[in-house]
Amino acid sequence: MLGHNSLPVNQDIEPLCAYPGNKIYCYTLLFLAIGNFIIFAFEIQMAAWDRFCMSYHHFIYNYFINPSSFGLTNY
């Protein structure tokens, strides 16, 4: 599988909020039922892979290949 190390969404959101100086006051979980309601209410179209990722959000590949596998710089 081509990819990178797994990382939680919080690890991406925290630097994005810190850059303009915004504070994160609380975290909330997006439950599948709430996500499905938002998709239905706003008539959002989703691809099959997006639906799979939403249903199995803890799905992680244990073995993957990226540029660092070949000694190259990983961007």
PDB file of N, CA and C in Angstrom:
ATOM      1  N   MET A   1       0.845  -1.162   0.000  1.00  0.00           N
ATOM      2  CA  MET A   1       0.000   0.000   0.000  1.00  0.00           C
ATOM      3  C   MET A   1       0.898   1.234   0.000  1.00  0.00           C
ATOM      4  N   LEU A   2       0.601   2.170  -0.831  1.00  0.00           N
ATOM      5  CA  LEU A   2       1.327   3.423  -0.891  1.00  0.00           C
ATOM      6  C   LEU A   2       0.730   4.370   0.141  1.00  0.00           C
ATOM      7  N   GLY A   3       1.534   4.910   1.042  1.00  0.00           N
ATOM      8  CA  GLY A   3       0.989   5.799   2.062  1.00  0.00           C
ATOM      9  C   GLY A   3       2.030   6.260   3.056  1.00  0.00           C
ATOM     10  N   HIS A   4       1.562   6.816   4.140  1.00  0.00           N
ATOM     11  CA  HIS A   4       2.408   7.346   5.206  1.00  0.00           C
ATOM     12  C   HIS A   4       1.978   6.749   6.534  1.00  0.00           C
ATOM     13  N   ASN A   5       2.741   7.054   7.574  1.00  0.00           N
ATOM     14  CA  ASN A   5       2.372   6.610   8.910  1.00  0.00           C
ATOM     15  C   ASN A   5       0.997   7.154   9.263  1.00  0.00           C
ATOM     16  N   SER A   6       0.249   6.370  10.020  1.00  0.00           N
ATOM     17  CA  SER A   6      -1.071   6.844  10.446  1.00  0.00           C
ATOM     18  C   SER A   6      -0.903   7.920  11.511  1.00  0.00           C
ATOM     19  N   LEU A   7      -1.807   8.876  11.504  1.00  0.00           N
ATOM     20  CA  LEU A   7      -1.789   9.913  12.518  1.00  0.00           C
ATOM     21  C   LEU A   7      -3.207  10.374  12.784  1.00  0.00           C
ATOM     22  N   PRO A   8      -3.493  10.759  14.020  1.00  0.00           N
ATOM     23  CA  PRO A   8      -4.850  11.191  14.353  1.00  0.00           C
ATOM     24  C   PRO A   8      -5.162  12.561  13.758  1.00  0.00           C
ATOM     25  N   VAL A   9      -6.425  12.826  13.556  1.00  0.00           N
ATOM     26  CA  VAL A   9      -6.865  14.107  13.001  1.00  0.00           C
ATOM     27  C   VAL A   9      -6.431  15.261  13.894  1.00  0.00           C
ATOM     28  N   ASN A  10      -6.441  15.048  15.201  1.00  0.00           N
ATOM     29  CA  ASN A  10      -6.051  16.114  16.136  1.00  0.00           C
ATOM     30  C   ASN A  10      -4.632  16.600  15.868  1.00  0.00           C
ATOM     31  N   GLN A  11      -3.773  15.704  15.421  1.00  0.00           N
ATOM     32  CA  GLN A  11      -2.384  16.069  15.144  1.00  0.00           C
ATOM     33  C   GLN A  11      -2.295  17.037  13.959  1.00  0.00           C
ATOM     34  N   ASP A  12      -3.278  17.003  13.067  1.00  0.00           N
ATOM     35  CA  ASP A  12      -3.327  17.958  11.956  1.00  0.00           C
ATOM     36  C   ASP A  12      -4.063  19.238  12.333  1.00  0.00           C
ATOM     37  N   ILE A  13      -5.103  19.120  13.130  1.00  0.00           N
ATOM     38  CA  ILE A  13      -5.934  20.284  13.469  1.00  0.00           C
ATOM     39  C   ILE A  13      -5.215  21.238  14.422  1.00  0.00           C
ATOM     40  N   GLU A  14      -4.477  20.717  15.377  1.00  0.00           N
ATOM     41  CA  GLU A  14      -3.810  21.573  16.364  1.00  0.00           C
ATOM     42  C   GLU A  14      -2.855  22.581  15.740  1.00  0.00           C
ATOM     43  N   PRO A  15      -1.955  22.187  14.814  1.00  0.00           N
ATOM     44  CA  PRO A  15      -1.083  23.200  14.191  1.00  0.00           C
ATOM     45  C   PRO A  15      -1.863  24.198  13.324  1.00  0.00           C
ATOM     46  N   LEU A  16      -2.927  23.724  12.667  1.00  0.00           N
ATOM     47  CA  LEU A  16      -3.733  24.629  11.850  1.00  0.00           C
ATOM     48  C   LEU A  16      -4.405  25.704  12.693  1.00  0.00           C
ATOM     49  N   CYS A  17      -4.869  25.327  13.871  1.00  0.00           N
ATOM     50  CA  CYS A  17      -5.500  26.301  14.766  1.00  0.00           C
ATOM     51  C   CYS A  17      -4.455  27.190  15.443  1.00  0.00           C
ATOM     52  N   ALA A  18      -3.288  26.646  15.730  1.00  0.00           N
ATOM     53  CA  ALA A  18      -2.251  27.417  16.417  1.00  0.00           C
ATOM     54  C   ALA A  18      -1.631  28.471  15.506  1.00  0.00           C
ATOM     55  N   TYR A  19      -1.606  28.235  14.212  1.00  0.00           N
ATOM     56  CA  TYR A  19      -0.967  29.174  13.275  1.00  0.00           C
ATOM     57  C   TYR A  19      -1.590  30.571  13.349  1.00  0.00           C
ATOM     58  N   PRO A  20      -2.937  30.720  13.257  1.00  0.00           N
ATOM     59  CA  PRO A  20      -3.498  32.071  13.382  1.00  0.00           C
ATOM     60  C   PRO A  20      -3.702  32.497  14.839  1.00  0.00           C
ATOM     61  N   GLY A  21      -3.351  31.628  15.780  1.00  0.00           N
ATOM     62  CA  GLY A  21      -3.472  31.972  17.194  1.00  0.00           C
ATOM     63  C   GLY A  21      -4.795  31.563  17.816  1.00  0.00           C
ATOM     64  N   ASN A  22      -5.545  30.684  17.172  1.00  0.00           N
ATOM     65  CA  ASN A  22      -6.814  30.210  17.720  1.00  0.00           C
ATOM     66  C   ASN A  22      -6.558  29.111  18.754  1.00  0.00           C
ATOM     67  N   LYS A  23      -7.383  29.085  19.782  1.00  0.00           N
ATOM     68  CA  LYS A  23      -7.278  28.046  20.804  1.00  0.00           C
ATOM     69  C   LYS A  23      -8.352  27.002  20.575  1.00  0.00           C
ATOM     70  N   ILE A  24      -8.046  25.766  20.925  1.00  0.00           N
ATOM     71  CA  ILE A  24      -9.022  24.685  20.875  1.00  0.00           C
ATOM     72  C   ILE A  24      -9.552  24.514  22.296  1.00  0.00           C
ATOM     73  N   TYR A  25     -10.833  24.779  22.480  1.00  0.00           N
ATOM     74  CA  TYR A  25     -11.407  24.732  23.814  1.00  0.00           C
ATOM     75  C   TYR A  25     -11.956  23.351  24.167  1.00  0.00           C
ATOM     76  N   CYS A  26     -12.422  22.607  23.175  1.00  0.00           N
ATOM     77  CA  CYS A  26     -12.922  21.262  23.452  1.00  0.00           C
ATOM     78  C   CYS A  26     -12.900  20.448  22.167  1.00  0.00           C
ATOM     79  N   TYR A  27     -12.944  19.153  22.330  1.00  0.00           N
ATOM     80  CA  TYR A  27     -13.008  18.234  21.213  1.00  0.00           C
ATOM     81  C   TYR A  27     -14.349  17.515  21.265  1.00  0.00           C
ATOM     82  N   THR A  28     -14.847  17.146  20.116  1.00  0.00           N
ATOM     83  CA  THR A  28     -16.070  16.359  20.069  1.00  0.00           C
ATOM     84  C   THR A  28     -15.900  15.242  19.049  1.00  0.00           C
ATOM     85  N   LEU A  29     -16.555  14.154  19.259  1.00  0.00           N
ATOM     86  CA  LEU A  29     -16.493  13.038  18.326  1.00  0.00           C
ATOM     87  C   LEU A  29     -17.598  13.187  17.291  1.00  0.00           C
ATOM     88  N   LEU A  30     -17.287  12.884  16.064  1.00  0.00           N
ATOM     89  CA  LEU A  30     -18.297  12.878  15.016  1.00  0.00           C
ATOM     90  C   LEU A  30     -18.777  11.444  14.869  1.00  0.00           C
ATOM     91  N   PHE A  31     -19.925  11.171  15.425  1.00  0.00           N
ATOM     92  CA  PHE A  31     -20.477   9.827  15.355  1.00  0.00           C
ATOM     93  C   PHE A  31     -20.993   9.554  13.950  1.00  0.00           C
ATOM     94  N   LEU A  32     -21.002   8.297  13.566  1.00  0.00           N
ATOM     95  CA  LEU A  32     -21.417   7.902  12.233  1.00  0.00           C
ATOM     96  C   LEU A  32     -22.840   8.380  11.939  1.00  0.00           C
ATOM     97  N   ALA A  33     -23.732   8.276  12.899  1.00  0.00           N
ATOM     98  CA  ALA A  33     -25.122   8.697  12.682  1.00  0.00           C
ATOM     99  C   ALA A  33     -25.203  10.190  12.395  1.00  0.00           C
ATOM    100  N   ILE A  34     -24.425  10.998  13.099  1.00  0.00           N
ATOM    101  CA  ILE A  34     -24.433  12.445  12.866  1.00  0.00           C
ATOM    102  C   ILE A  34     -23.855  12.745  11.488  1.00  0.00           C
ATOM    103  N   GLY A  35     -22.771  12.068  11.127  1.00  0.00           N
ATOM    104  CA  GLY A  35     -22.177  12.246   9.803  1.00  0.00           C
ATOM    105  C   GLY A  35     -23.144  11.878   8.694  1.00  0.00           C
ATOM    106  N   ASN A  36     -23.845  10.753   8.866  1.00  0.00           N
ATOM    107  CA  ASN A  36     -24.839  10.341   7.866  1.00  0.00           C
ATOM    108  C   ASN A  36     -25.980  11.338   7.769  1.00  0.00           C
ATOM    109  N   PHE A  37     -26.390  11.907   8.894  1.00  0.00           N
ATOM    110  CA  PHE A  37     -27.454  12.918   8.874  1.00  0.00           C
ATOM    111  C   PHE A  37     -27.006  14.167   8.116  1.00  0.00           C
ATOM    112  N   ILE A  38     -25.771  14.612   8.364  1.00  0.00           N
ATOM    113  CA  ILE A  38     -25.251  15.799   7.661  1.00  0.00           C
ATOM    114  C   ILE A  38     -25.167  15.533   6.157  1.00  0.00           C
ATOM    115  N   ILE A  39     -24.713  14.340   5.794  1.00  0.00           N
ATOM    116  CA  ILE A  39     -24.631  13.978   4.376  1.00  0.00           C
ATOM    117  C   ILE A  39     -26.019  13.970   3.744  1.00  0.00           C
ATOM    118  N   PHE A  40     -26.998  13.413   4.447  1.00  0.00           N
ATOM    119  CA  PHE A  40     -28.365  13.372   3.938  1.00  0.00           C
ATOM    120  C   PHE A  40     -28.987  14.766   3.884  1.00  0.00           C
ATOM    121  N   ALA A  41     -28.814  15.548   4.946  1.00  0.00           N
ATOM    122  CA  ALA A  41     -29.456  16.866   5.031  1.00  0.00           C
ATOM    123  C   ALA A  41     -28.935  17.833   3.973  1.00  0.00           C
ATOM    124  N   PHE A  42     -27.639  17.791   3.684  1.00  0.00           N
ATOM    125  CA  PHE A  42     -27.049  18.715   2.716  1.00  0.00           C
ATOM    126  C   PHE A  42     -26.868  18.082   1.334  1.00  0.00           C
ATOM    127  N   GLU A  43     -27.427  16.870   1.166  1.00  0.00           N
ATOM    128  CA  GLU A  43     -27.389  16.156  -0.105  1.00  0.00           C
ATOM    129  C   GLU A  43     -25.972  16.062  -0.672  1.00  0.00           C
ATOM    130  N   ILE A  44     -25.049  15.642   0.178  1.00  0.00           N
ATOM    131  CA  ILE A  44     -23.648  15.498  -0.207  1.00  0.00           C
ATOM    132  C   ILE A  44     -23.475  14.146  -0.890  1.00  0.00           C
ATOM    133  N   GLN A  45     -22.813  14.142  -2.038  1.00  0.00           N
ATOM    134  CA  GLN A  45     -22.533  12.900  -2.737  1.00  0.00           C
ATOM    135  C   GLN A  45     -21.169  12.384  -2.297  1.00  0.00           C
ATOM    136  N   MET A  46     -21.109  11.090  -2.001  1.00  0.00           N
ATOM    137  CA  MET A  46     -19.869  10.486  -1.543  1.00  0.00           C
ATOM    138  C   MET A  46     -19.495   9.316  -2.437  1.00  0.00           C
ATOM    139  N   ALA A  47     -18.205   9.174  -2.690  1.00  0.00           N
ATOM    140  CA  ALA A  47     -17.702   8.020  -3.431  1.00  0.00           C
ATOM    141  C   ALA A  47     -17.706   6.794  -2.522  1.00  0.00           C
ATOM    142  N   ALA A  48     -17.636   5.635  -3.124  1.00  0.00           N
ATOM    143  CA  ALA A  48     -17.659   4.392  -2.345  1.00  0.00           C
ATOM    144  C   ALA A  48     -16.489   4.325  -1.367  1.00  0.00           C
ATOM    145  N   TRP A  49     -15.294   4.779  -1.776  1.00  0.00           N
ATOM    146  CA  TRP A  49     -14.134   4.747  -0.893  1.00  0.00           C
ATOM    147  C   TRP A  49     -14.324   5.702   0.284  1.00  0.00           C
ATOM    148  N   ASP A  50     -14.906   6.866   0.052  1.00  0.00           N
ATOM    149  CA  ASP A  50     -15.167   7.815   1.138  1.00  0.00           C
ATOM    150  C   ASP A  50     -16.146   7.228   2.139  1.00  0.00           C
ATOM    151  N   ARG A  51     -17.168   6.553   1.654  1.00  0.00           N
ATOM    152  CA  ARG A  51     -18.158   5.908   2.537  1.00  0.00           C
ATOM    153  C   ARG A  51     -17.480   4.809   3.345  1.00  0.00           C
ATOM    154  N   PHE A  52     -16.599   4.027   2.705  1.00  0.00           N
ATOM    155  CA  PHE A  52     -15.865   2.982   3.418  1.00  0.00           C
ATOM    156  C   PHE A  52     -15.008   3.588   4.522  1.00  0.00           C
ATOM    157  N   CYS A  53     -14.275   4.663   4.206  1.00  0.00           N
ATOM    158  CA  CYS A  53     -13.404   5.307   5.195  1.00  0.00           C
ATOM    159  C   CYS A  53     -14.209   5.879   6.355  1.00  0.00           C
ATOM    160  N   MET A  54     -15.396   6.370   6.075  1.00  0.00           N
ATOM    161  CA  MET A  54     -16.240   6.907   7.133  1.00  0.00           C
ATOM    162  C   MET A  54     -16.773   5.793   8.032  1.00  0.00           C
ATOM    163  N   SER A  55     -17.112   4.661   7.445  1.00  0.00           N
ATOM    164  CA  SER A  55     -17.648   3.548   8.225  1.00  0.00           C
ATOM    165  C   SER A  55     -16.560   2.836   9.030  1.00  0.00           C
ATOM    166  N   TYR A  56     -15.358   2.744   8.462  1.00  0.00           N
ATOM    167  CA  TYR A  56     -14.243   2.062   9.132  1.00  0.00           C
ATOM    168  C   TYR A  56     -13.130   3.066   9.392  1.00  0.00           C
ATOM    169  N   HIS A  57     -13.409   4.049  10.240  1.00  0.00           N
ATOM    170  CA  HIS A  57     -12.464   5.146  10.449  1.00  0.00           C
ATOM    171  C   HIS A  57     -11.225   4.746  11.242  1.00  0.00           C
ATOM    172  N   HIS A  58     -11.191   3.562  11.823  1.00  0.00           N
ATOM    173  CA  HIS A  58     -10.000   3.096  12.536  1.00  0.00           C
ATOM    174  C   HIS A  58      -9.199   2.110  11.689  1.00  0.00           C
ATOM    175  N   PHE A  59      -9.477   2.060  10.409  1.00  0.00           N
ATOM    176  CA  PHE A  59      -8.816   1.142   9.490  1.00  0.00           C
ATOM    177  C   PHE A  59      -7.413   1.651   9.192  1.00  0.00           C
ATOM    178  N   ILE A  60      -6.399   0.842   9.476  1.00  0.00           N
ATOM    179  CA  ILE A  60      -5.004   1.239   9.280  1.00  0.00           C
ATOM    180  C   ILE A  60      -4.262   0.094   8.584  1.00  0.00           C
ATOM    181  N   TYR A  61      -3.503   0.430   7.551  1.00  0.00           N
ATOM    182  CA  TYR A  61      -2.627  -0.554   6.921  1.00  0.00           C
ATOM    183  C   TYR A  61      -1.358  -0.667   7.754  1.00  0.00           C
ATOM    184  N   ASN A  62      -0.958  -1.897   8.057  1.00  0.00           N
ATOM    185  CA  ASN A  62       0.246  -2.104   8.865  1.00  0.00           C
ATOM    186  C   ASN A  62       1.518  -1.993   8.023  1.00  0.00           C
ATOM    187  N   TYR A  63       1.444  -2.359   6.760  1.00  0.00           N
ATOM    188  CA  TYR A  63       2.619  -2.329   5.895  1.00  0.00           C
ATOM    189  C   TYR A  63       2.341  -1.388   4.728  1.00  0.00           C
ATOM    190  N   PHE A  64       3.199  -0.404   4.561  1.00  0.00           N
ATOM    191  CA  PHE A  64       3.016   0.574   3.501  1.00  0.00           C
ATOM    192  C   PHE A  64       4.375   0.970   2.951  1.00  0.00           C
ATOM    193  N   ILE A  65       4.368   1.554   1.777  1.00  0.00           N
ATOM    194  CA  ILE A  65       5.593   2.002   1.116  1.00  0.00           C
ATOM    195  C   ILE A  65       5.463   3.483   0.823  1.00  0.00           C
ATOM    196  N   ASN A  66       6.514   4.223   1.115  1.00  0.00           N
ATOM    197  CA  ASN A  66       6.581   5.646   0.785  1.00  0.00           C
ATOM    198  C   ASN A  66       8.034   5.972   0.406  1.00  0.00           C
ATOM    199  N   PRO A  67       8.344   7.192   0.025  1.00  0.00           N
ATOM    200  CA  PRO A  67       9.711   7.502  -0.395  1.00  0.00           C
ATOM    201  C   PRO A  67      10.779   7.159   0.648  1.00  0.00           C
ATOM    202  N   SER A  68      10.441   7.261   1.938  1.00  0.00           N
ATOM    203  CA  SER A  68      11.443   6.938   2.951  1.00  0.00           C
ATOM    204  C   SER A  68      11.806   5.444   2.952  1.00  0.00           C
ATOM    205  N   SER A  69      10.942   4.606   2.372  1.00  0.00           N
ATOM    206  CA  SER A  69      11.256   3.174   2.245  1.00  0.00           C
ATOM    207  C   SER A  69      12.459   2.958   1.341  1.00  0.00           C
ATOM    208  N   PHE A  70      12.714   3.914   0.439  1.00  0.00           N
ATOM    209  CA  PHE A  70      13.828   3.808  -0.505  1.00  0.00           C
ATOM    210  C   PHE A  70      14.949   4.773  -0.160  1.00  0.00           C
ATOM    211  N   GLY A  71      14.914   5.351   1.048  1.00  0.00           N
ATOM    212  CA  GLY A  71      15.962   6.280   1.469  1.00  0.00           C
ATOM    213  C   GLY A  71      15.823   7.663   0.901  1.00  0.00           C
ATOM    214  N   LEU A  72      14.642   7.998   0.391  1.00  0.00           N
ATOM    215  CA  LEU A  72      14.399   9.330  -0.184  1.00  0.00           C
ATOM    216  C   LEU A  72      13.689  10.225   0.826  1.00  0.00           C
ATOM    217  N   THR A  73      13.642  11.511   0.536  1.00  0.00           N
ATOM    218  CA  THR A  73      12.970  12.452   1.416  1.00  0.00           C
ATOM    219  C   THR A  73      11.468  12.304   1.276  1.00  0.00           C
ATOM    220  N   ASN A  74      10.789  12.280   2.394  1.00  0.00           N
ATOM    221  CA  ASN A  74       9.342  12.117   2.447  1.00  0.00           C
ATOM    222  C   ASN A  74       8.691  13.491   2.614  1.00  0.00           C
ATOM    223  N   TYR A  75       7.844  13.902   1.675  1.00  0.00           N
ATOM    224  CA  TYR A  75       7.186  15.216   1.745  1.00  0.00           C
ATOM    225  C   TYR A  75       5.791  15.081   2.246  1.00  0.00           C
TER     226      TYR A  75
END
